[in-house]
C-alpha atoms as a PDB file:
ATOM      1  CA  MET A   1      17.305  27.581  -2.922  1.00  0.00           C
ATOM      2  CA  HIS A   2      18.601  25.117  -5.604  1.00  0.00           C
ATOM      3  CA  THR A   3      17.326  21.745  -6.355  1.00  0.00           C
ATOM      4  CA  ASN A   4      19.142  18.944  -8.162  1.00  0.00           C
ATOM      5  CA  HIS A   5      17.414  16.411  -9.650  1.00  0.00           C
ATOM      6  CA  ILE A   6      17.992  12.679  -9.981  1.00  0.00           C
ATOM      7  CA  GLU A   7      16.498  10.080 -12.289  1.00  0.00           C
ATOM      8  CA  LEU A   8      16.022   6.730 -10.300  1.00  0.00           C
ATOM      9  CA  PHE A   9      16.100   4.036 -12.894  1.00  0.00           C
ATOM     10  CA  CYS A  10      13.980   2.095 -10.615  1.00  0.00           C
ATOM     11  CA  ASP A  11      10.308   0.522 -10.999  1.00  0.00           C
ATOM     12  CA  PHE A  12       9.339   1.225  -7.292  1.00  0.00           C
ATOM     13  CA  ASP A  13       6.138  -0.553  -8.618  1.00  0.00           C
ATOM     14  CA  LYS A  14       7.987  -4.165  -8.672  1.00  0.00           C
ATOM     15  CA  GLU A  15       7.924  -6.112  -5.646  1.00  0.00           C
ATOM     16  CA  GLN A  16      12.254  -6.628  -5.536  1.00  0.00           C
ATOM     17  CA  ASN A  17      12.467  -3.057  -5.739  1.00  0.00           C
ATOM     18  CA  PHE A  18      10.068  -1.987  -2.281  1.00  0.00           C
ATOM     19  CA  ASP A  19      12.704  -2.235   0.505  1.00  0.00           C
ATOM     20  CA  SER A  20      15.183  -0.117  -2.016  1.00  0.00           C
ATOM     21  CA  LEU A  21      12.018   2.446  -2.147  1.00  0.00           C
ATOM     22  CA  LEU A  22      11.932   2.198   1.627  1.00  0.00           C
ATOM     23  CA  GLU A  23      15.702   3.150   2.531  1.00  0.00           C
ATOM     24  CA  LEU A  24      15.113   6.204  -0.131  1.00  0.00           C
ATOM     25  CA  LEU A  25      12.361   7.606   2.084  1.00  0.00           C
ATOM     26  CA  LYS A  26      14.344   6.821   5.423  1.00  0.00           C
ATOM     27  CA  LEU A  27      17.426   8.628   3.951  1.00  0.00           C
ATOM     28  CA  PHE A  28      15.739  12.054   2.838  1.00  0.00           C
ATOM     29  CA  ASP A  29      13.359  11.241   6.438  1.00  0.00           C
ATOM     30  CA  LEU A  30      10.185  11.314   3.477  1.00  0.00           C
ATOM     31  CA  ASN A  31       6.718  10.193   5.266  1.00  0.00           C
ATOM     32  CA  ASN A  32       4.020  12.130   3.516  1.00  0.00           C
ATOM     33  CA  CYS A  33       2.234  11.501   0.017  1.00  0.00           C
ATOM     34  CA  ILE A  34       0.520  13.250  -2.218  1.00  0.00           C
ATOM     35  CA  CYS A  35      -1.402  10.660  -4.386  1.00  0.00           C
ATOM     36  CA  SER A  36      -2.795  12.209  -7.786  1.00  0.00           C
ATOM     37  CA  TYR A  37      -5.402  10.284  -9.329  1.00  0.00           C
ATOM     38  CA  ASP A  38      -7.812  10.676 -12.279  1.00  0.00           C
ATOM     39  CA  LYS A  39     -10.863  11.188 -10.435  1.00  0.00           C
ATOM     40  CA  ASP A  40     -13.646   9.880 -13.123  1.00  0.00           C
ATOM     41  CA  LEU A  41     -11.452   6.487 -12.773  1.00  0.00           C
ATOM     42  CA  ILE A  42     -11.664   5.856  -8.543  1.00  0.00           C
ATOM     43  CA  ASN A  43     -12.083   8.048  -5.605  1.00  0.00           C
ATOM     44  CA  LEU A  44      -9.581   7.893  -2.675  1.00  0.00           C
ATOM     45  CA  THR A  45     -10.255   8.450   0.903  1.00  0.00           C
ATOM     46  CA  VAL A  46      -8.527   7.849   4.167  1.00  0.00           C
ATOM     47  CA  ILE A  47     -10.014   6.308   7.321  1.00  0.00           C
ATOM     48  CA  ASN A  48      -7.894   5.721  10.342  1.00  0.00           C
ATOM     49  CA  GLY A  49      -4.356   6.058   8.277  1.00  0.00           C
ATOM     50  CA  GLU A  50      -5.821   3.364   5.692  1.00  0.00           C
ATOM     51  CA  VAL A  51      -6.325   4.079   2.306  1.00  0.00           C
ATOM     52  CA  ASN A  52      -9.627   3.248   0.270  1.00  0.00           C
ATOM     53  CA  VAL A  53     -10.160   2.943  -3.245  1.00  0.00           C
ATOM     54  CA  GLU A  54     -13.861   3.421  -4.644  1.00  0.00           C
ATOM     55  CA  ILE A  55     -13.736   2.381  -8.091  1.00  0.00           C
ATOM     56  CA  ILE A  56     -16.136   4.721 -10.538  1.00  0.00           C
ATOM     57  CA  GLU A  57     -15.078   3.895 -13.627  1.00  0.00           C
ATOM     58  CA  LYS A  58     -14.460   0.083 -14.760  1.00  0.00           C
ATOM     59  CA  LYS A  59     -11.944   0.840 -17.660  1.00  0.00           C
ATOM     60  CA  LYS A  60     -10.542   4.152 -19.105  1.00  0.00           C
ATOM     61  CA  LYS A  61     -12.137   5.149 -22.329  1.00  0.00           C
ATOM     62  CA  PHE A  62      -9.350   6.034 -25.083  1.00  0.00           C
ATOM     63  CA  PHE A  63     -10.210   9.374 -25.671  1.00  0.00           C
ATOM     64  CA  ARG A  64     -11.255  11.665 -22.583  1.00  0.00           C
ATOM     65  CA  ALA A  65      -9.893  14.436 -20.817  1.00  0.00           C
ATOM     66  CA  ILE A  66      -8.304  13.613 -17.244  1.00  0.00           C
ATOM     67  CA  TYR A  67      -9.211  15.414 -14.225  1.00  0.00           C
ATOM     68  CA  PHE A  68      -6.737  14.913 -11.143  1.00  0.00           C
ATOM     69  CA  LYS A  69      -7.525  15.286  -7.511  1.00  0.00           C
ATOM     70  CA  GLU A  70      -5.053  14.785  -4.822  1.00  0.00           C
ATOM     71  CA  VAL A  71      -5.141  13.421  -1.766  1.00  0.00           C
ATOM     72  CA  GLU A  72      -2.792  13.654   1.085  1.00  0.00           C
ATOM     73  CA  ILE A  73      -1.952  10.783   2.854  1.00  0.00           C
ATOM     74  CA  GLU A  74       0.418   9.985   5.689  1.00  0.00           C
ATOM     75  CA  ILE A  75       3.058   6.987   4.957  1.00  0.00           C
ATOM     76  CA  ASN A  76       2.602   5.441   8.943  1.00  0.00           C
ATOM     77  CA  SER A  77       3.684   1.963   7.766  1.00  0.00           C
ATOM     78  CA  ASP A  78       5.071  -0.427   4.729  1.00  0.00           C
ATOM     79  CA  ASP A  79       1.616  -1.613   4.193  1.00  0.00           C
ATOM     80  CA  THR A  80       0.627   1.994   3.255  1.00  0.00           C
ATOM     81  CA  LEU A  81       3.324   2.365   0.808  1.00  0.00           C
ATOM     82  CA  LYS A  82       2.589  -0.915  -0.304  1.00  0.00           C
ATOM     83  CA  ASN A  83      -1.086  -0.068  -0.993  1.00  0.00           C
ATOM     84  CA  LEU A  84       0.191   3.105  -2.551  1.00  0.00           C
ATOM     85  CA  LEU A  85       2.108   1.601  -4.853  1.00  0.00           C
ATOM     86  CA  GLN A  86      -0.627  -0.928  -5.746  1.00  0.00           C
ATOM     87  CA  ILE A  87      -2.990   2.349  -6.459  1.00  0.00           C
ATOM     88  CA  VAL A  88       0.076   3.471  -8.932  1.00  0.00           C
ATOM     89  CA  ILE A  89       0.163   0.167 -10.650  1.00  0.00           C
ATOM     90  CA  ASN A  90      -3.701  -0.816 -10.980  1.00  0.00           C
ATOM     91  CA  TYR A  91      -4.824   3.080 -11.751  1.00  0.00           C
ATOM     92  CA  ASP A  92      -1.893   5.192 -13.394  1.00  0.00           C
ATOM     93  CA  ALA A  93      -1.688   7.484 -10.062  1.00  0.00           C
ATOM     94  CA  VAL A  94       1.222   9.765  -9.332  1.00  0.00           C
ATOM     95  CA  LEU A  95       2.892   9.918  -5.895  1.00  0.00           C
ATOM     96  CA  CYS A  96       5.057  12.597  -4.711  1.00  0.00           C
ATOM     97  CA  ILE A  97       6.438  12.064  -1.197  1.00  0.00           C
ATOM     98  CA  LYS A  98       8.105  14.460   0.775  1.00  0.00           C
ATOM     99  CA  SER A  99       8.736  15.263   4.299  1.00  0.00           C
ATOM    100  CA  LYS A 100       6.001  15.610   6.864  1.00  0.00           C
ATOM    101  CA  ASP A 101       8.237  17.457   9.472  1.00  0.00           C
ATOM    102  CA  GLU A 102       9.683  19.675   7.154  1.00  0.00           C
ATOM    103  CA  PRO A 103       6.740  21.128   4.864  1.00  0.00           C
ATOM    104  CA  ASN A 104       8.591  24.019   3.275  1.00  0.00           C
ATOM    105  CA  SER A 105      11.595  21.613   2.338  1.00  0.00           C
ATOM    106  CA  LYS A 106      12.184  21.322  -1.744  1.00  0.00           C
ATOM    107  CA  THR A 107      13.258  17.662  -1.153  1.00  0.00           C
ATOM    108  CA  ILE A 108      10.540  15.116  -3.244  1.00  0.00           C
ATOM    109  CA  LEU A 109      10.478  11.830  -4.068  1.00  0.00           C
ATOM    110  CA  VAL A 110       7.997  11.217  -7.495  1.00  0.00           C
ATOM    111  CA  VAL A 111       7.261   7.781  -8.656  1.00  0.00           C
ATOM    112  CA  ASN A 112       5.458   7.485 -12.022  1.00  0.00           C
ATOM    113  CA  ASP A 113       5.299  10.859 -13.096  1.00  0.00           C
ATOM    114  CA  ASN A 114       4.516   9.461 -16.963  1.00  0.00           C
ATOM    115  CA  GLY A 115       6.346   6.061 -15.989  1.00  0.00           C
ATOM    116  CA  HIS A 116       9.512   8.312 -14.405  1.00  0.00           C
ATOM    117  CA  ASP A 117      10.906   7.906 -11.116  1.00  0.00           C
ATOM    118  CA  TYR A 118      12.764  10.838  -9.528  1.00  0.00           C
ATOM    119  CA  ILE A 119      14.272  12.639  -6.829  1.00  0.00           C
ATOM    120  CA  ASN A 120      14.808  16.565  -6.459  1.00  0.00           C
ATOM    121  CA  PHE A 121      16.289  17.798  -3.273  1.00  0.00           C
ATOM    122  CA  ASP A 122      17.836  20.914  -2.099  1.00  0.00           C
ATOM    123  CA  SER A 123      20.875  21.264  -2.643  1.00  0.00           C
ATOM    124  CA  ASN A 124      21.951  23.668   0.247  1.00  0.00           C
ATOM    125  CA  LYS A 125      20.946  20.720   2.808  1.00  0.00           C
ATOM    126  CA  TYR A 126      22.541  17.522   0.215  1.00  0.00           C
ATOM    127  CA  VAL A 127      25.905  17.654  -1.605  1.00  0.00           C
ATOM    128  CA  LEU A 128      25.129  15.803  -4.899  1.00  0.00           C
ATOM    129  CA  LYS A 129      28.173  13.523  -4.982  1.00  0.00           C
ATOM    130  CA  GLU A 130      27.423  12.190  -1.641  1.00  0.00           C
ATOM    131  CA  ILE A 131      23.486  11.818  -2.363  1.00  0.00           C
ATOM    132  CA  LYS A 132      24.336  10.488  -5.712  1.00  0.00           C
ATOM    133  CA  THR A 133      26.863   7.606  -4.035  1.00  0.00           C
ATOM    134  CA  LYS A 134      24.080   6.864  -1.561  1.00  0.00           C
ATOM    135  CA  ILE A 135      21.744   6.201  -3.902  1.00  0.00           C
ATOM    136  CA  SER A 136      23.855   4.533  -6.151  1.00  0.00           C
ATOM    137  CA  GLN A 137      24.334   2.180  -3.037  1.00  0.00           C
ATOM    138  CA  ILE A 138      20.661   1.667  -2.123  1.00  0.00           C
ATOM    139  CA  LEU A 139      19.534   1.178  -6.086  1.00  0.00           C
ATOM    140  CA  GLY A 140      23.072  -1.409  -6.827  1.00  0.00           C
END
């Protein structure tokens, strides 16, 4: 299976770009998120579909090892997605959003991978030129 990579030059952690992110998630039917975060800074728990943040360390030390923890979160509402984006902003977390209905799909949207947002998608399922056009229209 071959995947294509498209860098998304859009800061999804900015309020004005939230609707564009929602449209991209709908375009690719993405609704399940793996949130990777520094477990020495925060701990995330999901209770009744709501994401809760427990602060472990108030501020980051300049030099230290970073130990990532991952939690799986279903994006069941706009509020859940907004909460996740706030975690990205406040705690430098990374979001990997994929389809819950197609667990073997190679299509994944990544938010804040070292400051980059991008999408990888299965080129056997999607035509690159068509997807680039749709993404340009959404982000345009």
